[in-house]
Amino acid sequence: MLSQIERPVLVISGDRDAITLEHTLLIFHALPHAELCVLPGTDHATFSGRPEWLNPIISAFLDRPEQTATR
């Protein structure tokens, strides 16, 4: 179950993603140490189409000390 994941998780979605925002929010709220990133004007191809947006966000998340990566 998602609620048992104790590590920080970055949930990323596009506001025009195939996965609905409601479903993304269910995932986000189920994870006790999650952070949410919804990118405007993007869809499920954001990883390949907008690396200049995502790479800094992901790098900052991964580089942060674990105790500060909370909601």
C-alpha atoms as a PDB file:
ATOM      1  CA  MET A   1       0.000   0.000   0.000  1.00  0.00           C
ATOM      2  CA  LEU A   2       1.138   3.502  -0.746  1.00  0.00           C
ATOM      3  CA  SER A   3       0.600   4.597   2.843  1.00  0.00           C
ATOM      4  CA  GLN A   4       3.421   2.293   3.946  1.00  0.00           C
ATOM      5  CA  ILE A   5       6.078   4.004   1.823  1.00  0.00           C
ATOM      6  CA  GLU A   6       8.230   5.961   4.259  1.00  0.00           C
ATOM      7  CA  ARG A   7      10.617   7.506   1.741  1.00  0.00           C
ATOM      8  CA  PRO A   8      10.036  10.907   0.149  1.00  0.00           C
ATOM      9  CA  VAL A   9       8.243  10.646  -3.188  1.00  0.00           C
ATOM     10  CA  LEU A  10       7.864  13.305  -5.850  1.00  0.00           C
ATOM     11  CA  VAL A  11       4.556  12.893  -7.686  1.00  0.00           C
ATOM     12  CA  ILE A  12       4.740  14.640 -11.053  1.00  0.00           C
ATOM     13  CA  SER A  13       1.852  15.221 -13.414  1.00  0.00           C
ATOM     14  CA  GLY A  14       0.873  17.478 -16.262  1.00  0.00           C
ATOM     15  CA  ASP A  15      -2.336  19.452 -16.002  1.00  0.00           C
ATOM     16  CA  ARG A  16      -3.353  17.877 -19.339  1.00  0.00           C
ATOM     17  CA  ASP A  17      -2.100  14.410 -18.464  1.00  0.00           C
ATOM     18  CA  ALA A  18      -3.912  11.198 -19.404  1.00  0.00           C
ATOM     19  CA  ILE A  19      -3.972  10.487 -15.663  1.00  0.00           C
ATOM     20  CA  THR A  20      -6.627  12.751 -14.187  1.00  0.00           C
ATOM     21  CA  LEU A  21      -5.690  15.342 -11.606  1.00  0.00           C
ATOM     22  CA  GLU A  22      -8.134  13.664  -9.208  1.00  0.00           C
ATOM     23  CA  HIS A  23      -6.267  10.360  -9.527  1.00  0.00           C
ATOM     24  CA  THR A  24      -2.916  12.113  -9.127  1.00  0.00           C
ATOM     25  CA  LEU A  25      -4.196  13.751  -5.942  1.00  0.00           C
ATOM     26  CA  LEU A  26      -5.351  10.379  -4.582  1.00  0.00           C
ATOM     27  CA  ILE A  27      -1.833   9.038  -5.085  1.00  0.00           C
ATOM     28  CA  PHE A  28      -0.283  12.158  -3.541  1.00  0.00           C
ATOM     29  CA  HIS A  29      -2.515  12.040  -0.457  1.00  0.00           C
ATOM     30  CA  ALA A  30      -1.929   8.310   0.023  1.00  0.00           C
ATOM     31  CA  LEU A  31       1.837   8.802   0.318  1.00  0.00           C
ATOM     32  CA  PRO A  32       2.836  10.087   3.775  1.00  0.00           C
ATOM     33  CA  HIS A  33       5.980  11.909   2.586  1.00  0.00           C
ATOM     34  CA  ALA A  34       4.954  13.022  -0.890  1.00  0.00           C
ATOM     35  CA  GLU A  35       5.472  16.259  -2.728  1.00  0.00           C
ATOM     36  CA  LEU A  36       3.302  17.210  -5.677  1.00  0.00           C
ATOM     37  CA  CYS A  37       4.389  18.888  -8.888  1.00  0.00           C
ATOM     38  CA  VAL A  38       1.721  19.674 -11.499  1.00  0.00           C
ATOM     39  CA  LEU A  39       3.194  21.286 -14.572  1.00  0.00           C
ATOM     40  CA  PRO A  40       0.959  23.691 -16.519  1.00  0.00           C
ATOM     41  CA  GLY A  41       0.219  23.092 -20.177  1.00  0.00           C
ATOM     42  CA  THR A  42       1.772  19.639 -20.200  1.00  0.00           C
ATOM     43  CA  ASP A  43       0.676  16.067 -20.766  1.00  0.00           C
ATOM     44  CA  HIS A  44       2.096  12.572 -20.264  1.00  0.00           C
ATOM     45  CA  ALA A  45       4.974  13.313 -22.680  1.00  0.00           C
ATOM     46  CA  THR A  46       6.386  16.017 -20.395  1.00  0.00           C
ATOM     47  CA  PHE A  47       9.445  13.932 -19.498  1.00  0.00           C
ATOM     48  CA  SER A  48      10.643  13.861 -23.076  1.00  0.00           C
ATOM     49  CA  GLY A  49       9.083  17.129 -24.222  1.00  0.00           C
ATOM     50  CA  ARG A  50      10.073  19.474 -21.384  1.00  0.00           C
ATOM     51  CA  PRO A  51      13.327  18.254 -19.832  1.00  0.00           C
ATOM     52  CA  GLU A  52      14.374  21.862 -19.210  1.00  0.00           C
ATOM     53  CA  TRP A  53      11.467  22.090 -16.733  1.00  0.00           C
ATOM     54  CA  LEU A  54      11.654  18.666 -15.172  1.00  0.00           C
ATOM     55  CA  ASN A  55      15.381  18.086 -14.796  1.00  0.00           C
ATOM     56  CA  PRO A  56      15.910  20.973 -12.311  1.00  0.00           C
ATOM     57  CA  ILE A  57      12.809  19.998 -10.318  1.00  0.00           C
ATOM     58  CA  ILE A  58      13.859  16.360 -10.061  1.00  0.00           C
ATOM     59  CA  SER A  59      17.487  17.259  -9.322  1.00  0.00           C
ATOM     60  CA  ALA A  60      16.463  19.620  -6.517  1.00  0.00           C
ATOM     61  CA  PHE A  61      14.215  16.938  -5.008  1.00  0.00           C
ATOM     62  CA  LEU A  62      16.966  14.305  -5.139  1.00  0.00           C
ATOM     63  CA  ASP A  63      19.663  16.643  -3.823  1.00  0.00           C
ATOM     64  CA  ARG A  64      17.703  17.798  -0.773  1.00  0.00           C
ATOM     65  CA  PRO A  65      18.373  16.222   2.601  1.00  0.00           C
ATOM     66  CA  GLU A  66      15.660  13.667   3.255  1.00  0.00           C
ATOM     67  CA  GLN A  67      14.277  15.329   6.371  1.00  0.00           C
ATOM     68  CA  THR A  68      13.362  18.486   4.405  1.00  0.00           C
ATOM     69  CA  ALA A  69      11.553  16.626   1.623  1.00  0.00           C
ATOM     70  CA  THR A  70       8.110  16.716   3.178  1.00  0.00           C
ATOM     71  CA  ARG A  71       4.837  18.429   2.451  1.00  0.00           C
END
